[in-house]
Amino acid sequence: MIPALGLLAGILIGVVLQPDVPIWLQPYLPIAVIAALDAVFGGVRAVLDGIFDDKVFVISFLSNVIVAALIVYLGDQLGVGAQLSTGVVVVLGVRIFSNVASIRRHLFHA
């Protein structure tokens, strides 16, 4: 539940502070958020499976965000940023839905 509480705290802080995102960072922010959500749902799944490790969670969270941002940056440099962004969203979306399905099975035994 630590990842879910962290997500909730982050959302509340963002809503209250309303930070400005620099122009150069705006193309990467949606991808970074999706990558972070993948790590959070993976963390919740690990808690329910009884295998949560905080070090693994932090490394997963940071590496997901960095790798996703680097893929989008590389796509921008190659002139195919939109296509690589779509690919990252699809892959991470599949992982998120897989984790949510596992969480649902744990919670509802279905």
C-alpha atoms as a PDB file:
ATOM      1  CA  MET A   1       0.000   0.000   0.000  1.00  0.00           C
ATOM      2  CA  ILE A   2       3.025   2.278   0.274  1.00  0.00           C
ATOM      3  CA  PRO A   3       3.094   2.852  -3.522  1.00  0.00           C
ATOM      4  CA  ALA A   4      -0.595   3.748  -3.574  1.00  0.00           C
ATOM      5  CA  LEU A   5      -0.163   6.177  -0.681  1.00  0.00           C
ATOM      6  CA  GLY A   6       2.840   7.721  -2.437  1.00  0.00           C
ATOM      7  CA  LEU A   7       0.783   8.165  -5.600  1.00  0.00           C
ATOM      8  CA  LEU A   8      -2.042   9.790  -3.646  1.00  0.00           C
ATOM      9  CA  ALA A   9       0.378  12.113  -1.833  1.00  0.00           C
ATOM     10  CA  GLY A  10       2.007  13.086  -5.140  1.00  0.00           C
ATOM     11  CA  ILE A  11      -1.340  13.880  -6.733  1.00  0.00           C
ATOM     12  CA  LEU A  12      -2.394  16.000  -3.755  1.00  0.00           C
ATOM     13  CA  ILE A  13       0.897  17.912  -3.717  1.00  0.00           C
ATOM     14  CA  GLY A  14       0.612  18.544  -7.459  1.00  0.00           C
ATOM     15  CA  VAL A  15      -2.961  19.802  -7.165  1.00  0.00           C
ATOM     16  CA  VAL A  16      -2.154  22.104  -4.241  1.00  0.00           C
ATOM     17  CA  LEU A  17       1.157  23.519  -5.550  1.00  0.00           C
ATOM     18  CA  GLN A  18       0.262  23.516  -9.279  1.00  0.00           C
ATOM     19  CA  PRO A  19       3.895  23.493 -10.476  1.00  0.00           C
ATOM     20  CA  ASP A  20       4.853  24.980 -13.853  1.00  0.00           C
ATOM     21  CA  VAL A  21       6.430  22.508 -16.262  1.00  0.00           C
ATOM     22  CA  PRO A  22       9.192  23.950 -18.469  1.00  0.00           C
ATOM     23  CA  ILE A  23       8.444  23.941 -22.198  1.00  0.00           C
ATOM     24  CA  TRP A  24      11.361  21.610 -23.022  1.00  0.00           C
ATOM     25  CA  LEU A  25      10.063  19.033 -20.520  1.00  0.00           C
ATOM     26  CA  GLN A  26       6.419  19.005 -21.629  1.00  0.00           C
ATOM     27  CA  PRO A  27       6.749  16.323 -24.357  1.00  0.00           C
ATOM     28  CA  TYR A  28       8.315  13.913 -21.862  1.00  0.00           C
ATOM     29  CA  LEU A  29       5.995  14.455 -18.897  1.00  0.00           C
ATOM     30  CA  PRO A  30       3.050  12.289 -20.069  1.00  0.00           C
ATOM     31  CA  ILE A  31       5.391   9.394 -20.849  1.00  0.00           C
ATOM     32  CA  ALA A  32       7.122   9.789 -17.487  1.00  0.00           C
ATOM     33  CA  VAL A  33       3.764   9.749 -15.686  1.00  0.00           C
ATOM     34  CA  ILE A  34       2.692   6.558 -17.474  1.00  0.00           C
ATOM     35  CA  ALA A  35       6.044   4.929 -16.678  1.00  0.00           C
ATOM     36  CA  ALA A  36       5.686   5.956 -13.028  1.00  0.00           C
ATOM     37  CA  LEU A  37       2.137   4.555 -12.910  1.00  0.00           C
ATOM     38  CA  ASP A  38       3.470   1.261 -14.248  1.00  0.00           C
ATOM     39  CA  ALA A  39       5.943   1.120 -11.355  1.00  0.00           C
ATOM     40  CA  VAL A  40       3.256   2.051  -8.810  1.00  0.00           C
ATOM     41  CA  PHE A  41       0.828  -0.623  -9.982  1.00  0.00           C
ATOM     42  CA  GLY A  42       3.691  -3.113 -10.073  1.00  0.00           C
ATOM     43  CA  GLY A  43       4.491  -2.147  -6.480  1.00  0.00           C
ATOM     44  CA  VAL A  44       0.885  -2.660  -5.388  1.00  0.00           C
ATOM     45  CA  ARG A  45       0.888  -6.043  -7.099  1.00  0.00           C
ATOM     46  CA  ALA A  46       4.131  -6.989  -5.347  1.00  0.00           C
ATOM     47  CA  VAL A  47       2.642  -6.021  -1.977  1.00  0.00           C
ATOM     48  CA  LEU A  48      -0.356  -8.263  -2.619  1.00  0.00           C
ATOM     49  CA  ASP A  49       1.941 -11.087  -3.777  1.00  0.00           C
ATOM     50  CA  GLY A  50       3.997 -10.638  -0.599  1.00  0.00           C
ATOM     51  CA  ILE A  51       7.232  -9.930  -2.481  1.00  0.00           C
ATOM     52  CA  PHE A  52       7.471  -6.128  -2.196  1.00  0.00           C
ATOM     53  CA  ASP A  53      10.986  -4.756  -1.775  1.00  0.00           C
ATOM     54  CA  ASP A  54      11.381  -1.023  -1.366  1.00  0.00           C
ATOM     55  CA  LYS A  55      14.776  -0.931  -3.097  1.00  0.00           C
ATOM     56  CA  VAL A  56      13.407  -2.787  -6.118  1.00  0.00           C
ATOM     57  CA  PHE A  57      10.431  -0.411  -6.203  1.00  0.00           C
ATOM     58  CA  VAL A  58      12.584   2.728  -6.178  1.00  0.00           C
ATOM     59  CA  ILE A  59      14.935   1.363  -8.839  1.00  0.00           C
ATOM     60  CA  SER A  60      11.981   0.237 -10.956  1.00  0.00           C
ATOM     61  CA  PHE A  61      10.281   3.612 -10.594  1.00  0.00           C
ATOM     62  CA  LEU A  62      13.357   5.628 -11.552  1.00  0.00           C
ATOM     63  CA  SER A  63      14.514   3.318 -14.337  1.00  0.00           C
ATOM     64  CA  ASN A  64      11.027   3.173 -15.912  1.00  0.00           C
ATOM     65  CA  VAL A  65      10.814   6.966 -16.019  1.00  0.00           C
ATOM     66  CA  ILE A  66      14.371   7.444 -17.303  1.00  0.00           C
ATOM     67  CA  VAL A  67      14.196   4.734 -19.975  1.00  0.00           C
ATOM     68  CA  ALA A  68      10.796   5.923 -21.218  1.00  0.00           C
ATOM     69  CA  ALA A  69      12.031   9.521 -21.416  1.00  0.00           C
ATOM     70  CA  LEU A  70      15.204   8.435 -23.232  1.00  0.00           C
ATOM     71  CA  ILE A  71      13.176   6.463 -25.787  1.00  0.00           C
ATOM     72  CA  VAL A  72      10.987   9.504 -26.482  1.00  0.00           C
ATOM     73  CA  TYR A  73      14.069  11.755 -26.670  1.00  0.00           C
ATOM     74  CA  LEU A  74      15.706   9.353 -29.117  1.00  0.00           C
ATOM     75  CA  GLY A  75      12.523   9.327 -31.174  1.00  0.00           C
ATOM     76  CA  ASP A  76      12.526  13.132 -31.255  1.00  0.00           C
ATOM     77  CA  GLN A  77      16.141  13.151 -32.425  1.00  0.00           C
ATOM     78  CA  LEU A  78      15.351  10.631 -35.166  1.00  0.00           C
ATOM     79  CA  GLY A  79      12.210  12.482 -36.221  1.00  0.00           C
ATOM     80  CA  VAL A  80       9.829   9.706 -35.148  1.00  0.00           C
ATOM     81  CA  GLY A  81       8.969  10.979 -31.668  1.00  0.00           C
ATOM     82  CA  ALA A  82       5.226  10.425 -31.993  1.00  0.00           C
ATOM     83  CA  GLN A  83       5.641   6.817 -33.133  1.00  0.00           C
ATOM     84  CA  LEU A  84       8.045   5.910 -30.335  1.00  0.00           C
ATOM     85  CA  SER A  85       5.856   7.725 -27.798  1.00  0.00           C
ATOM     86  CA  THR A  86       2.899   5.651 -28.957  1.00  0.00           C
ATOM     87  CA  GLY A  87       4.964   2.478 -28.657  1.00  0.00           C
ATOM     88  CA  VAL A  88       6.014   3.342 -25.110  1.00  0.00           C
ATOM     89  CA  VAL A  89       2.408   4.127 -24.131  1.00  0.00           C
ATOM     90  CA  VAL A  90       1.167   0.842 -25.610  1.00  0.00           C
ATOM     91  CA  VAL A  91       3.825  -1.288 -23.896  1.00  0.00           C
ATOM     92  CA  LEU A  92       3.423   0.410 -20.524  1.00  0.00           C
ATOM     93  CA  GLY A  93      -0.362   0.361 -20.902  1.00  0.00           C
ATOM     94  CA  VAL A  94      -0.319  -3.393 -21.391  1.00  0.00           C
ATOM     95  CA  ARG A  95       1.846  -3.775 -18.283  1.00  0.00           C
ATOM     96  CA  ILE A  96      -0.455  -1.512 -16.257  1.00  0.00           C
ATOM     97  CA  PHE A  97      -3.560  -3.464 -17.288  1.00  0.00           C
ATOM     98  CA  SER A  98      -1.790  -6.734 -16.505  1.00  0.00           C
ATOM     99  CA  ASN A  99      -0.903  -5.499 -13.018  1.00  0.00           C
ATOM    100  CA  VAL A 100      -4.429  -4.166 -12.457  1.00  0.00           C
ATOM    101  CA  ALA A 101      -5.868  -7.540 -13.495  1.00  0.00           C
ATOM    102  CA  SER A 102      -3.609  -9.276 -10.985  1.00  0.00           C
ATOM    103  CA  ILE A 103      -4.586  -6.789  -8.274  1.00  0.00           C
ATOM    104  CA  ARG A 104      -8.263  -7.375  -9.065  1.00  0.00           C
ATOM    105  CA  ARG A 105      -7.772 -11.153  -8.773  1.00  0.00           C
ATOM    106  CA  HIS A 106      -6.104 -10.691  -5.379  1.00  0.00           C
ATOM    107  CA  LEU A 107      -8.765  -8.375  -4.043  1.00  0.00           C
ATOM    108  CA  PHE A 108     -11.885 -10.042  -5.394  1.00  0.00           C
ATOM    109  CA  HIS A 109     -10.585 -13.610  -5.786  1.00  0.00           C
ATOM    110  CA  ALA A 110     -11.885 -13.556  -9.368  1.00  0.00           C
END
